[in-house]
């Protein structure tokens, strides 16, 4: 697995520097073809590319599903990944709400409960898995919509 870290810096007229760190991991699919997946955490508070932001949130939700499947007793990691989902969603939330209000409401019906459950000291794993699946599906549908 190869990793490539990219650091972007932009300077705006107001003199504000925005830094976004994106890390891409190259993996090999079942058919042997190399794929590049963004595995980053968005680190800036400014406007983030919506498509990249959704990609990162979907990845984080998938990472949470993997952790729940493999180590459901690792509550610290589950809480940490959930926090990361929330932080990354916060980066694009306003854009989604303004440009796609119906999709925003639809996504939030699953994503907010996922975050609430995932941050608990003793998350209900059944409930968490339900919201993970719903959120992943809704986010993927939204990603396809905005990519057209």
Protein backbone atom coordinates (compact mmCIF):
# COMPACT_ATOMS: atom_id res chain seq x y z
CA UNK A 1 0.00 0.00 0.00
CA UNK A 2 1.55 3.29 -1.07
CA UNK A 3 0.79 6.56 0.65
CA UNK A 4 1.14 10.01 -0.81
CA UNK A 5 0.50 13.05 1.31
CA UNK A 6 -0.38 16.30 -0.41
CA UNK A 7 -0.43 19.63 1.36
CA UNK A 8 -2.27 22.51 -0.27
CA UNK A 9 -1.87 26.14 0.78
CA UNK A 10 -3.81 29.04 -0.68
CA UNK A 11 -3.45 32.72 0.11
CA UNK A 12 -6.53 34.90 -0.22
CA UNK A 13 -6.71 38.66 -0.77
CA UNK A 14 -7.39 39.19 2.92
CA UNK A 15 -4.08 37.51 3.70
CA UNK A 16 -5.67 34.40 5.17
CA UNK A 17 -3.80 31.19 4.55
CA UNK A 18 -5.89 28.10 4.19
CA UNK A 19 -4.24 24.72 4.51
CA UNK A 20 -5.87 21.48 3.56
CA UNK A 21 -4.04 18.23 4.07
CA UNK A 22 -5.18 15.37 1.87
CA UNK A 23 -3.65 11.94 2.14
CA UNK A 24 -4.21 9.43 -0.61
CA UNK A 25 -3.63 5.73 -0.13
CA UNK A 26 -3.12 3.53 -3.13
CA UNK A 27 -4.75 0.17 -2.75
CA UNK A 28 -5.17 -2.77 -5.05
CA UNK A 29 -8.69 -3.86 -5.88
CA UNK A 30 -9.83 -7.47 -6.20
CA UNK A 31 -9.10 -7.39 -9.93
CA UNK A 32 -5.53 -6.18 -9.29
CA UNK A 33 -6.15 -2.64 -10.48
CA UNK A 34 -4.60 0.17 -8.42
CA UNK A 35 -7.06 2.59 -6.87
CA UNK A 36 -6.40 5.87 -5.11
CA UNK A 37 -8.60 6.69 -2.13
CA UNK A 38 -8.55 9.89 -0.16
CA UNK A 39 -8.03 9.01 3.49
CA UNK A 40 -7.50 12.46 4.83
CA UNK A 41 -8.86 14.70 7.43
CA UNK A 42 -9.83 18.12 6.12
CA UNK A 43 -7.92 20.60 8.24
CA UNK A 44 -9.15 24.02 7.21
CA UNK A 45 -12.08 26.15 8.32
CA UNK A 46 -12.63 27.82 4.94
CA UNK A 47 -14.69 26.63 1.99
CA UNK A 48 -13.80 23.08 1.09
CA UNK A 49 -14.43 21.45 -2.28
CA UNK A 50 -17.78 19.77 -1.75
CA UNK A 51 -16.98 16.65 -3.77
CA UNK A 52 -13.70 16.06 -1.90
CA UNK A 53 -15.39 16.81 1.41
CA UNK A 54 -18.13 14.25 0.78
CA UNK A 55 -15.50 11.73 -0.30
CA UNK A 56 -13.68 12.16 3.00
CA UNK A 57 -16.88 11.89 5.08
CA UNK A 58 -17.88 8.70 3.23
CA UNK A 59 -14.41 7.28 3.84
CA UNK A 60 -14.62 8.10 7.56
CA UNK A 61 -18.06 6.48 7.85
CA UNK A 62 -16.65 3.36 6.15
CA UNK A 63 -13.69 3.42 8.53
CA UNK A 64 -16.12 3.54 11.45
CA UNK A 65 -18.00 0.55 10.03
CA UNK A 66 -14.72 -1.35 9.77
CA UNK A 67 -13.80 -0.54 13.37
CA UNK A 68 -17.24 -1.64 14.61
CA UNK A 69 -16.91 -4.91 12.64
CA UNK A 70 -13.37 -5.72 13.78
CA UNK A 71 -13.10 -4.14 17.25
CA UNK A 72 -16.52 -3.25 18.68
CA UNK A 73 -15.00 -3.05 22.17
CA UNK A 74 -12.50 -0.35 21.13
CA UNK A 75 -14.78 2.48 22.26
CA UNK A 76 -11.93 5.01 22.28
CA UNK A 77 -11.29 4.49 18.57
CA UNK A 78 -15.01 4.45 17.78
CA UNK A 79 -15.41 7.77 19.60
CA UNK A 80 -12.35 9.21 17.83
CA UNK A 81 -13.51 8.19 14.35
CA UNK A 82 -16.97 9.55 15.11
CA UNK A 83 -15.43 12.89 16.14
CA UNK A 84 -13.53 12.91 12.86
CA UNK A 85 -16.76 12.31 10.93
CA UNK A 86 -18.38 15.22 12.74
CA UNK A 87 -15.41 17.54 12.13
CA UNK A 88 -15.27 16.69 8.43
CA UNK A 89 -19.03 17.05 7.99
CA UNK A 90 -18.86 20.45 9.72
CA UNK A 91 -16.45 21.59 6.98
CA UNK A 92 -19.04 21.08 4.24
CA UNK A 93 -22.31 21.20 6.14
CA UNK A 94 -23.11 24.83 5.36
CA UNK A 95 -22.50 24.33 1.63
CA UNK A 96 -24.78 21.30 1.55
CA UNK A 97 -27.49 23.08 3.54
CA UNK A 98 -27.41 26.17 1.30
CA UNK A 99 -27.13 24.48 -2.09
CA UNK A 100 -29.04 21.24 -1.45
CA UNK A 101 -31.48 21.82 1.44
CA UNK A 102 -33.56 18.68 0.79
CA UNK A 103 -30.48 16.46 0.57
CA UNK A 104 -29.10 18.12 3.69
CA UNK A 105 -32.22 17.23 5.68
CA UNK A 106 -32.22 13.69 4.29
CA UNK A 107 -28.55 13.09 5.18
CA UNK A 108 -28.83 14.65 8.62
CA UNK A 109 -31.68 12.30 9.58
CA UNK A 110 -29.04 9.54 9.79
CA UNK A 111 -25.76 11.38 10.26
CA UNK A 112 -26.67 13.29 13.42
CA UNK A 113 -27.92 10.16 15.21
CA UNK A 114 -24.77 8.32 14.05
CA UNK A 115 -22.62 11.05 15.60
CA UNK A 116 -24.67 11.12 18.80
CA UNK A 117 -24.50 7.35 19.27
CA UNK A 118 -20.87 7.04 18.18
CA UNK A 119 -19.71 9.59 20.76
CA UNK A 120 -21.35 7.82 23.71
CA UNK A 121 -19.26 6.12 26.40
CA UNK A 122 -21.10 2.87 25.67
CA UNK A 123 -22.54 3.10 22.16
CA UNK A 124 -25.36 0.77 21.20
CA UNK A 125 -23.60 -1.13 18.40
CA UNK A 126 -26.82 -2.26 16.74
CA UNK A 127 -28.08 1.30 16.58
CA UNK A 128 -24.70 2.59 15.45
CA UNK A 129 -24.51 0.07 12.60
CA UNK A 130 -28.01 1.05 11.48
CA UNK A 131 -27.02 4.72 11.26
CA UNK A 132 -23.68 3.90 9.61
CA UNK A 133 -25.43 1.99 6.80
CA UNK A 134 -28.08 4.67 6.33
CA UNK A 135 -25.53 7.50 6.36
CA UNK A 136 -23.18 5.75 3.97
CA UNK A 137 -26.03 5.10 1.53
CA UNK A 138 -27.33 8.68 1.70
CA UNK A 139 -23.88 10.22 1.40
CA UNK A 140 -23.04 8.00 -1.58
CA UNK A 141 -26.30 8.94 -3.31
CA UNK A 142 -25.51 12.60 -2.67
CA UNK A 143 -21.95 12.17 -3.96
CA UNK A 144 -23.31 10.69 -7.20
CA UNK A 145 -25.78 13.55 -7.53
CA UNK A 146 -23.20 16.32 -7.19
CA UNK A 147 -20.71 14.52 -9.45
CA UNK A 148 -23.05 14.62 -12.47
